[in-house]
Amino acid sequence: YPMKNTDELLHFSLQLLSLYPILCVTLQVFGGLVWILVASTKVQDQNPLGWVMFVSVFCFVMTTLWFFIFLCGGNQNDRHNWVRDAGYHFVAVVFFLSASVVLAYITIWLGEAYKNLPDPQVLKVYQLYISAVVMSYVATLLYFLHAIFSALRWKRS
């Protein structure tokens, strides 16, 4: 598909990004990575990482269900599916953003604890949390982009 100018390339790129399965799979990958990275550490009592785990698992399961609904063509019968799609992804953005902030706060706190007590185990957990924070913010961004594209599709339908 030869591109004649940059506007045509940009339009093609936006069409490619708005494809549901590609974005859905990336959401599952980054959301699942947050879940795995947080689950790989020992969570202490009274730790707010339970919210992070809930958000990661909830969004992973719901996105997988939503993906299979779209894969089976369940979205083609009802005009309101785009509203549900945009609504779900907006809720996921709010959930993941709040979980990302909590996770970043815990990571900063753990980094300060490591400065005061250099322990290799604390360093390992700190590095895992840094990775989880990055993946969490990437997942938040992807859910946000998906919510925007879903809202645009809803307005066009």
C-alpha atoms as a PDB file:
ATOM      1  CA  TYR A   1       0.000   0.000   0.000  1.00  0.00           C
ATOM      2  CA  PRO A   2       2.065   2.980  -1.221  1.00  0.00           C
ATOM      3  CA  MET A   3       1.608   6.219   0.743  1.00  0.00           C
ATOM      4  CA  LYS A   4       1.465   9.452  -1.234  1.00  0.00           C
ATOM      5  CA  ASN A   5       1.919  11.919   1.630  1.00  0.00           C
ATOM      6  CA  THR A   6       2.251  12.132   5.385  1.00  0.00           C
ATOM      7  CA  ASP A   7      -1.471  12.822   5.904  1.00  0.00           C
ATOM      8  CA  GLU A   8      -2.314   9.568   4.158  1.00  0.00           C
ATOM      9  CA  LEU A   9       0.261   7.734   6.273  1.00  0.00           C
ATOM     10  CA  LEU A  10      -1.171   9.265   9.449  1.00  0.00           C
ATOM     11  CA  HIS A  11      -4.722   8.295   8.437  1.00  0.00           C
ATOM     12  CA  PHE A  12      -3.594   4.732   7.700  1.00  0.00           C
ATOM     13  CA  SER A  13      -1.755   4.544  11.038  1.00  0.00           C
ATOM     14  CA  LEU A  14      -4.837   5.710  12.924  1.00  0.00           C
ATOM     15  CA  GLN A  15      -6.961   3.131  11.100  1.00  0.00           C
ATOM     16  CA  LEU A  16      -4.452   0.449  12.026  1.00  0.00           C
ATOM     17  CA  LEU A  17      -4.405   1.540  15.676  1.00  0.00           C
ATOM     18  CA  SER A  18      -8.182   1.536  15.849  1.00  0.00           C
ATOM     19  CA  LEU A  19      -8.314  -2.164  15.042  1.00  0.00           C
ATOM     20  CA  TYR A  20      -9.815  -3.783  18.095  1.00  0.00           C
ATOM     21  CA  PRO A  21      -7.940  -7.093  18.330  1.00  0.00           C
ATOM     22  CA  ILE A  22      -4.471  -5.551  18.139  1.00  0.00           C
ATOM     23  CA  LEU A  23      -5.169  -3.057  20.902  1.00  0.00           C
ATOM     24  CA  CYS A  24      -7.045  -5.618  22.966  1.00  0.00           C
ATOM     25  CA  VAL A  25      -4.124  -8.033  22.936  1.00  0.00           C
ATOM     26  CA  THR A  26      -1.670  -5.307  23.945  1.00  0.00           C
ATOM     27  CA  LEU A  27      -3.983  -4.343  26.803  1.00  0.00           C
ATOM     28  CA  GLN A  28      -3.990  -7.942  27.966  1.00  0.00           C
ATOM     29  CA  VAL A  29      -0.210  -8.216  27.740  1.00  0.00           C
ATOM     30  CA  PHE A  30       0.577  -5.053  29.720  1.00  0.00           C
ATOM     31  CA  GLY A  31      -2.246  -5.587  32.212  1.00  0.00           C
ATOM     32  CA  GLY A  32      -1.149  -9.181  32.716  1.00  0.00           C
ATOM     33  CA  LEU A  33       2.443  -8.078  33.267  1.00  0.00           C
ATOM     34  CA  VAL A  34       1.347  -5.765  36.084  1.00  0.00           C
ATOM     35  CA  TRP A  35      -0.549  -8.646  37.640  1.00  0.00           C
ATOM     36  CA  ILE A  36       2.410 -11.043  37.339  1.00  0.00           C
ATOM     37  CA  LEU A  37       5.027  -8.558  38.585  1.00  0.00           C
ATOM     38  CA  VAL A  38       3.032  -7.625  41.677  1.00  0.00           C
ATOM     39  CA  ALA A  39       2.042 -11.234  42.363  1.00  0.00           C
ATOM     40  CA  SER A  40       5.676 -12.339  42.237  1.00  0.00           C
ATOM     41  CA  THR A  41       6.460 -10.439  45.446  1.00  0.00           C
ATOM     42  CA  LYS A  42       5.410 -11.134  49.011  1.00  0.00           C
ATOM     43  CA  VAL A  43       2.623  -8.733  49.952  1.00  0.00           C
ATOM     44  CA  GLN A  44       2.570  -7.645  53.604  1.00  0.00           C
ATOM     45  CA  ASP A  45      -0.630  -7.172  55.620  1.00  0.00           C
ATOM     46  CA  GLN A  46      -2.334  -3.787  55.335  1.00  0.00           C
ATOM     47  CA  ASN A  47      -0.663  -3.218  51.983  1.00  0.00           C
ATOM     48  CA  PRO A  48      -2.661  -1.291  49.345  1.00  0.00           C
ATOM     49  CA  LEU A  49      -1.312  -3.570  46.613  1.00  0.00           C
ATOM     50  CA  GLY A  50      -4.530  -5.568  46.956  1.00  0.00           C
ATOM     51  CA  TRP A  51      -6.224  -2.807  44.952  1.00  0.00           C
ATOM     52  CA  VAL A  52      -3.542  -3.073  42.275  1.00  0.00           C
ATOM     53  CA  MET A  53      -4.072  -6.839  42.068  1.00  0.00           C
ATOM     54  CA  PHE A  54      -7.861  -6.441  41.913  1.00  0.00           C
ATOM     55  CA  VAL A  55      -7.618  -3.896  39.094  1.00  0.00           C
ATOM     56  CA  SER A  56      -5.108  -6.000  37.148  1.00  0.00           C
ATOM     57  CA  VAL A  57      -7.109  -9.212  37.428  1.00  0.00           C
ATOM     58  CA  PHE A  58     -10.489  -7.527  36.867  1.00  0.00           C
ATOM     59  CA  CYS A  59      -9.349  -5.670  33.751  1.00  0.00           C
ATOM     60  CA  PHE A  60      -7.520  -8.729  32.422  1.00  0.00           C
ATOM     61  CA  VAL A  61     -10.611 -10.943  32.781  1.00  0.00           C
ATOM     62  CA  MET A  62     -13.053  -8.319  31.471  1.00  0.00           C
ATOM     63  CA  THR A  63     -10.848  -7.443  28.498  1.00  0.00           C
ATOM     64  CA  THR A  64     -10.514 -11.138  27.660  1.00  0.00           C
ATOM     65  CA  LEU A  65     -14.297 -11.576  27.835  1.00  0.00           C
ATOM     66  CA  TRP A  66     -14.841  -8.455  25.740  1.00  0.00           C
ATOM     67  CA  PHE A  67     -12.283  -9.691  23.216  1.00  0.00           C
ATOM     68  CA  PHE A  68     -14.139 -12.997  22.793  1.00  0.00           C
ATOM     69  CA  ILE A  69     -17.470 -11.172  22.437  1.00  0.00           C
ATOM     70  CA  PHE A  70     -15.971  -9.146  19.590  1.00  0.00           C
ATOM     71  CA  LEU A  71     -14.247 -12.202  18.131  1.00  0.00           C
ATOM     72  CA  CYS A  72     -17.556 -14.091  17.983  1.00  0.00           C
ATOM     73  CA  GLY A  73     -19.310 -11.134  16.350  1.00  0.00           C
ATOM     74  CA  GLY A  74     -21.458 -10.283  19.354  1.00  0.00           C
ATOM     75  CA  ASN A  75     -20.815  -6.599  18.797  1.00  0.00           C
ATOM     76  CA  GLN A  76     -22.484  -6.477  15.378  1.00  0.00           C
ATOM     77  CA  ASN A  77     -26.084  -6.918  16.497  1.00  0.00           C
ATOM     78  CA  ASP A  78     -26.417  -3.941  18.797  1.00  0.00           C
ATOM     79  CA  ARG A  79     -25.520  -0.297  18.237  1.00  0.00           C
ATOM     80  CA  HIS A  80     -25.034   0.178  21.984  1.00  0.00           C
ATOM     81  CA  ASN A  81     -22.031  -2.144  22.110  1.00  0.00           C
ATOM     82  CA  TRP A  82     -19.767   0.780  21.187  1.00  0.00           C
ATOM     83  CA  VAL A  83     -21.198   2.696  24.147  1.00  0.00           C
ATOM     84  CA  ARG A  84     -20.477  -0.283  26.405  1.00  0.00           C
ATOM     85  CA  ASP A  85     -16.999  -0.610  24.903  1.00  0.00           C
ATOM     86  CA  ALA A  86     -16.143   3.053  25.478  1.00  0.00           C
ATOM     87  CA  GLY A  87     -17.721   2.960  28.948  1.00  0.00           C
ATOM     88  CA  TYR A  88     -15.837  -0.144  30.045  1.00  0.00           C
ATOM     89  CA  HIS A  89     -12.519   1.216  28.827  1.00  0.00           C
ATOM     90  CA  PHE A  90     -13.151   4.555  30.547  1.00  0.00           C
ATOM     91  CA  VAL A  91     -13.779   2.695  33.831  1.00  0.00           C
ATOM     92  CA  ALA A  92     -10.618   0.663  33.192  1.00  0.00           C
ATOM     93  CA  VAL A  93      -8.647   3.904  32.695  1.00  0.00           C
ATOM     94  CA  VAL A  94      -9.861   5.292  36.021  1.00  0.00           C
ATOM     95  CA  PHE A  95      -9.168   1.982  37.794  1.00  0.00           C
ATOM     96  CA  PHE A  96      -5.708   1.543  36.276  1.00  0.00           C
ATOM     97  CA  LEU A  97      -4.743   5.168  36.881  1.00  0.00           C
ATOM     98  CA  SER A  98      -5.649   4.866  40.557  1.00  0.00           C
ATOM     99  CA  ALA A  99      -3.793   1.546  40.799  1.00  0.00           C
ATOM    100  CA  SER A 100      -0.774   3.077  39.055  1.00  0.00           C
ATOM    101  CA  VAL A 101      -0.631   5.940  41.531  1.00  0.00           C
ATOM    102  CA  VAL A 102      -0.877   3.530  44.489  1.00  0.00           C
ATOM    103  CA  LEU A 103       1.821   1.314  42.997  1.00  0.00           C
ATOM    104  CA  ALA A 104       4.103   4.287  42.307  1.00  0.00           C
ATOM    105  CA  TYR A 105       3.660   5.504  45.892  1.00  0.00           C
ATOM    106  CA  ILE A 106       4.533   2.066  47.307  1.00  0.00           C
ATOM    107  CA  THR A 107       7.546   1.884  44.973  1.00  0.00           C
ATOM    108  CA  ILE A 108       8.829   5.282  46.110  1.00  0.00           C
ATOM    109  CA  TRP A 109       8.343   4.246  49.736  1.00  0.00           C
ATOM    110  CA  LEU A 110      10.216   0.987  49.107  1.00  0.00           C
ATOM    111  CA  GLY A 111      13.064   2.898  47.427  1.00  0.00           C
ATOM    112  CA  GLU A 112      13.404   5.090  50.506  1.00  0.00           C
ATOM    113  CA  ALA A 113      13.406   1.986  52.711  1.00  0.00           C
ATOM    114  CA  TYR A 114      16.184   0.480  50.577  1.00  0.00           C
ATOM    115  CA  LYS A 115      18.310   3.617  51.021  1.00  0.00           C
ATOM    116  CA  ASN A 116      18.056   3.225  54.796  1.00  0.00           C
ATOM    117  CA  LEU A 117      18.518  -0.552  54.852  1.00  0.00           C
ATOM    118  CA  PRO A 118      20.368  -1.901  51.774  1.00  0.00           C
ATOM    119  CA  ASP A 119      19.116  -5.461  51.460  1.00  0.00           C
ATOM    120  CA  PRO A 120      19.371  -7.460  48.193  1.00  0.00           C
ATOM    121  CA  GLN A 121      15.848  -8.856  48.661  1.00  0.00           C
ATOM    122  CA  VAL A 122      14.408  -5.340  49.060  1.00  0.00           C
ATOM    123  CA  LEU A 123      16.311  -4.262  45.938  1.00  0.00           C
ATOM    124  CA  LYS A 124      14.821  -7.159  43.950  1.00  0.00           C
ATOM    125  CA  VAL A 125      11.275  -6.276  45.041  1.00  0.00           C
ATOM    126  CA  TYR A 126      11.968  -2.597  44.337  1.00  0.00           C
ATOM    127  CA  GLN A 127      13.079  -3.414  40.788  1.00  0.00           C
ATOM    128  CA  LEU A 128       9.986  -5.589  40.232  1.00  0.00           C
ATOM    129  CA  TYR A 129       7.767  -2.752  41.428  1.00  0.00           C
ATOM    130  CA  ILE A 130       9.503  -0.290  39.106  1.00  0.00           C
ATOM    131  CA  SER A 131       8.734  -2.616  36.198  1.00  0.00           C
ATOM    132  CA  ALA A 132       5.147  -2.994  37.395  1.00  0.00           C
ATOM    133  CA  VAL A 133       4.726   0.792  37.621  1.00  0.00           C
ATOM    134  CA  VAL A 134       5.969   1.244  34.048  1.00  0.00           C
ATOM    135  CA  MET A 135       3.682  -1.522  32.751  1.00  0.00           C
ATOM    136  CA  SER A 136       0.773  -0.105  34.735  1.00  0.00           C
ATOM    137  CA  TYR A 137       1.148   3.347  33.207  1.00  0.00           C
ATOM    138  CA  VAL A 138       1.526   1.836  29.729  1.00  0.00           C
ATOM    139  CA  ALA A 139      -1.664  -0.184  30.308  1.00  0.00           C
ATOM    140  CA  THR A 140      -3.411   2.999  31.495  1.00  0.00           C
ATOM    141  CA  LEU A 141      -2.337   4.808  28.329  1.00  0.00           C
ATOM    142  CA  LEU A 142      -3.496   1.935  26.117  1.00  0.00           C
ATOM    143  CA  TYR A 143      -6.875   1.741  27.863  1.00  0.00           C
ATOM    144  CA  PHE A 144      -7.206   5.512  27.428  1.00  0.00           C
ATOM    145  CA  LEU A 145      -6.420   5.296  23.712  1.00  0.00           C
ATOM    146  CA  HIS A 146      -8.879   2.445  23.341  1.00  0.00           C
ATOM    147  CA  ALA A 147     -11.585   4.439  25.135  1.00  0.00           C
ATOM    148  CA  ILE A 148     -10.989   7.379  22.778  1.00  0.00           C
ATOM    149  CA  PHE A 149     -11.100   5.185  19.660  1.00  0.00           C
ATOM    150  CA  SER A 150     -14.234   3.431  20.933  1.00  0.00           C
ATOM    151  CA  ALA A 151     -15.913   6.779  21.543  1.00  0.00           C
ATOM    152  CA  LEU A 152     -14.975   7.898  18.026  1.00  0.00           C
ATOM    153  CA  ARG A 153     -16.400   4.684  16.541  1.00  0.00           C
ATOM    154  CA  TRP A 154     -19.550   5.159  18.601  1.00  0.00           C
ATOM    155  CA  LYS A 155     -19.982   8.716  17.293  1.00  0.00           C
ATOM    156  CA  ARG A 156     -19.503   7.515  13.698  1.00  0.00           C
ATOM    157  CA  SER A 157     -22.082   4.721  13.989  1.00  0.00           C
END
